[in-house]
Amino acid sequence: MVLGEGSERSWKEWSKPRSGDLIYSRNRILHMAYLWKPNDAPSVLNPSQALDLAKLATKTASEYVASLSEAFDEIQLPIRTIRSVELCGEF
């Protein structure tokens, strides 16, 4: 099968970079640049800010898992996560 034949997307569409591809490429370049010279990268957060952000991320993840659990309960489908007991307590 030739690219563009029998598919929904034309060659012109396939050849366009998608924003996700661009973001991934940019992040990859930044990551590799950091690995090459880690001391040249400025700190984005101070330790206190990093701790606050980590706490917020944990809380947000807990709320998300609880929200998913409630939604799955409503449609009577079981859902279990690796850390569901640790994050949300026993179901």
C-alpha atoms as a PDB file:
ATOM      1  CA  MET A   1       0.000   0.000   0.000  1.00  0.00           C
ATOM      2  CA  VAL A   2       1.361   3.409  -0.939  1.00  0.00           C
ATOM      3  CA  LEU A   3       1.051   6.155   1.610  1.00  0.00           C
ATOM      4  CA  GLY A   4      -2.111   8.099   0.887  1.00  0.00           C
ATOM      5  CA  GLU A   5      -3.804   5.314  -1.101  1.00  0.00           C
ATOM      6  CA  GLY A   6      -6.859   3.865   0.544  1.00  0.00           C
ATOM      7  CA  SER A   7      -6.498   6.012   3.600  1.00  0.00           C
ATOM      8  CA  GLU A   8      -8.479   8.954   4.839  1.00  0.00           C
ATOM      9  CA  ARG A   9      -5.458  11.259   4.838  1.00  0.00           C
ATOM     10  CA  SER A  10      -3.767  12.478   1.689  1.00  0.00           C
ATOM     11  CA  TRP A  11       0.007  12.658   1.201  1.00  0.00           C
ATOM     12  CA  LYS A  12      -0.154  16.401   1.864  1.00  0.00           C
ATOM     13  CA  GLU A  13      -1.779  15.755   5.251  1.00  0.00           C
ATOM     14  CA  TRP A  14       0.714  12.985   6.122  1.00  0.00           C
ATOM     15  CA  SER A  15       3.656  15.232   5.334  1.00  0.00           C
ATOM     16  CA  LYS A  16       2.493  18.021   7.675  1.00  0.00           C
ATOM     17  CA  PRO A  17       4.045  17.826  11.122  1.00  0.00           C
ATOM     18  CA  ARG A  18       1.408  17.546  13.813  1.00  0.00           C
ATOM     19  CA  SER A  19       1.617  19.728  16.891  1.00  0.00           C
ATOM     20  CA  GLY A  20       2.128  16.640  19.081  1.00  0.00           C
ATOM     21  CA  ASP A  21       5.098  15.619  16.942  1.00  0.00           C
ATOM     22  CA  LEU A  22       6.582  19.097  17.215  1.00  0.00           C
ATOM     23  CA  ILE A  23       6.100  19.216  20.968  1.00  0.00           C
ATOM     24  CA  TYR A  24       7.674  15.774  21.381  1.00  0.00           C
ATOM     25  CA  SER A  25      10.642  16.780  19.208  1.00  0.00           C
ATOM     26  CA  ARG A  26      11.159  20.028  21.112  1.00  0.00           C
ATOM     27  CA  ASN A  27      10.984  18.233  24.465  1.00  0.00           C
ATOM     28  CA  ARG A  28      13.424  15.600  23.232  1.00  0.00           C
ATOM     29  CA  ILE A  29      15.901  18.264  22.102  1.00  0.00           C
ATOM     30  CA  LEU A  30      15.641  20.091  25.422  1.00  0.00           C
ATOM     31  CA  HIS A  31      16.094  16.848  27.346  1.00  0.00           C
ATOM     32  CA  MET A  32      19.177  15.873  25.345  1.00  0.00           C
ATOM     33  CA  ALA A  33      20.621  19.391  25.722  1.00  0.00           C
ATOM     34  CA  TYR A  34      20.114  19.141  29.486  1.00  0.00           C
ATOM     35  CA  LEU A  35      21.813  15.739  29.602  1.00  0.00           C
ATOM     36  CA  TRP A  36      24.734  17.145  27.627  1.00  0.00           C
ATOM     37  CA  LYS A  37      25.289  20.138  29.953  1.00  0.00           C
ATOM     38  CA  PRO A  38      23.101  19.862  33.073  1.00  0.00           C
ATOM     39  CA  ASN A  39      24.797  22.758  34.892  1.00  0.00           C
ATOM     40  CA  ASP A  40      23.864  25.199  32.111  1.00  0.00           C
ATOM     41  CA  ALA A  41      20.130  24.742  32.732  1.00  0.00           C
ATOM     42  CA  PRO A  42      18.628  27.280  35.118  1.00  0.00           C
ATOM     43  CA  SER A  43      16.359  26.077  37.906  1.00  0.00           C
ATOM     44  CA  VAL A  44      12.702  26.659  37.186  1.00  0.00           C
ATOM     45  CA  LEU A  45      11.468  26.206  40.753  1.00  0.00           C
ATOM     46  CA  ASN A  46      13.041  26.617  44.142  1.00  0.00           C
ATOM     47  CA  PRO A  47      12.777  23.645  46.566  1.00  0.00           C
ATOM     48  CA  SER A  48       9.725  25.066  48.338  1.00  0.00           C
ATOM     49  CA  GLN A  49       7.891  25.602  45.054  1.00  0.00           C
ATOM     50  CA  ALA A  50       8.830  22.102  43.880  1.00  0.00           C
ATOM     51  CA  LEU A  51       7.430  20.611  47.101  1.00  0.00           C
ATOM     52  CA  ASP A  52       4.192  22.593  46.752  1.00  0.00           C
ATOM     53  CA  LEU A  53       3.863  21.475  43.138  1.00  0.00           C
ATOM     54  CA  ALA A  54       4.461  17.831  44.098  1.00  0.00           C
ATOM     55  CA  LYS A  55       1.766  18.046  46.792  1.00  0.00           C
ATOM     56  CA  LEU A  56      -0.665  19.604  44.321  1.00  0.00           C
ATOM     57  CA  ALA A  57       0.109  16.930  41.725  1.00  0.00           C
ATOM     58  CA  THR A  58      -0.544  14.174  44.273  1.00  0.00           C
ATOM     59  CA  LYS A  59      -3.832  15.769  45.345  1.00  0.00           C
ATOM     60  CA  THR A  60      -4.923  16.255  41.722  1.00  0.00           C
ATOM     61  CA  ALA A  61      -4.089  12.644  40.861  1.00  0.00           C
ATOM     62  CA  SER A  62      -6.051  11.411  43.897  1.00  0.00           C
ATOM     63  CA  GLU A  63      -9.071  13.480  42.925  1.00  0.00           C
ATOM     64  CA  TYR A  64      -8.840  12.248  39.337  1.00  0.00           C
ATOM     65  CA  VAL A  65      -8.724   8.589  40.406  1.00  0.00           C
ATOM     66  CA  ALA A  66     -11.677   9.153  42.752  1.00  0.00           C
ATOM     67  CA  SER A  67     -13.605  10.870  39.956  1.00  0.00           C
ATOM     68  CA  LEU A  68     -12.920   7.971  37.584  1.00  0.00           C
ATOM     69  CA  SER A  69     -13.969   5.492  40.239  1.00  0.00           C
ATOM     70  CA  GLU A  70     -17.268   7.314  40.800  1.00  0.00           C
ATOM     71  CA  ALA A  71     -17.930   7.520  37.054  1.00  0.00           C
ATOM     72  CA  PHE A  72     -17.241   3.809  36.601  1.00  0.00           C
ATOM     73  CA  ASP A  73     -19.482   3.004  39.583  1.00  0.00           C
ATOM     74  CA  GLU A  74     -22.308   4.943  37.928  1.00  0.00           C
ATOM     75  CA  ILE A  75     -22.097   2.774  34.824  1.00  0.00           C
ATOM     76  CA  GLN A  76     -21.481  -0.316  36.958  1.00  0.00           C
ATOM     77  CA  LEU A  77     -18.021  -1.133  35.654  1.00  0.00           C
ATOM     78  CA  PRO A  78     -15.194  -2.104  37.998  1.00  0.00           C
ATOM     79  CA  ILE A  79     -12.027  -0.058  37.977  1.00  0.00           C
ATOM     80  CA  ARG A  80      -8.890  -0.720  39.978  1.00  0.00           C
ATOM     81  CA  THR A  81      -5.581   1.054  39.772  1.00  0.00           C
ATOM     82  CA  ILE A  82      -2.229  -0.016  41.094  1.00  0.00           C
ATOM     83  CA  ARG A  83      -2.407   2.583  43.857  1.00  0.00           C
ATOM     84  CA  SER A  84      -6.164   2.960  44.253  1.00  0.00           C
ATOM     85  CA  VAL A  85      -6.088   1.824  47.882  1.00  0.00           C
ATOM     86  CA  GLU A  86      -3.145   4.093  48.748  1.00  0.00           C
ATOM     87  CA  LEU A  87      -4.646   7.174  47.079  1.00  0.00           C
ATOM     88  CA  CYS A  88      -8.356   6.847  47.770  1.00  0.00           C
ATOM     89  CA  GLY A  89      -8.668   4.356  50.595  1.00  0.00           C
ATOM     90  CA  GLU A  90     -10.395   0.999  50.450  1.00  0.00           C
ATOM     91  CA  PHE A  91     -13.346   0.712  48.057  1.00  0.00           C
END
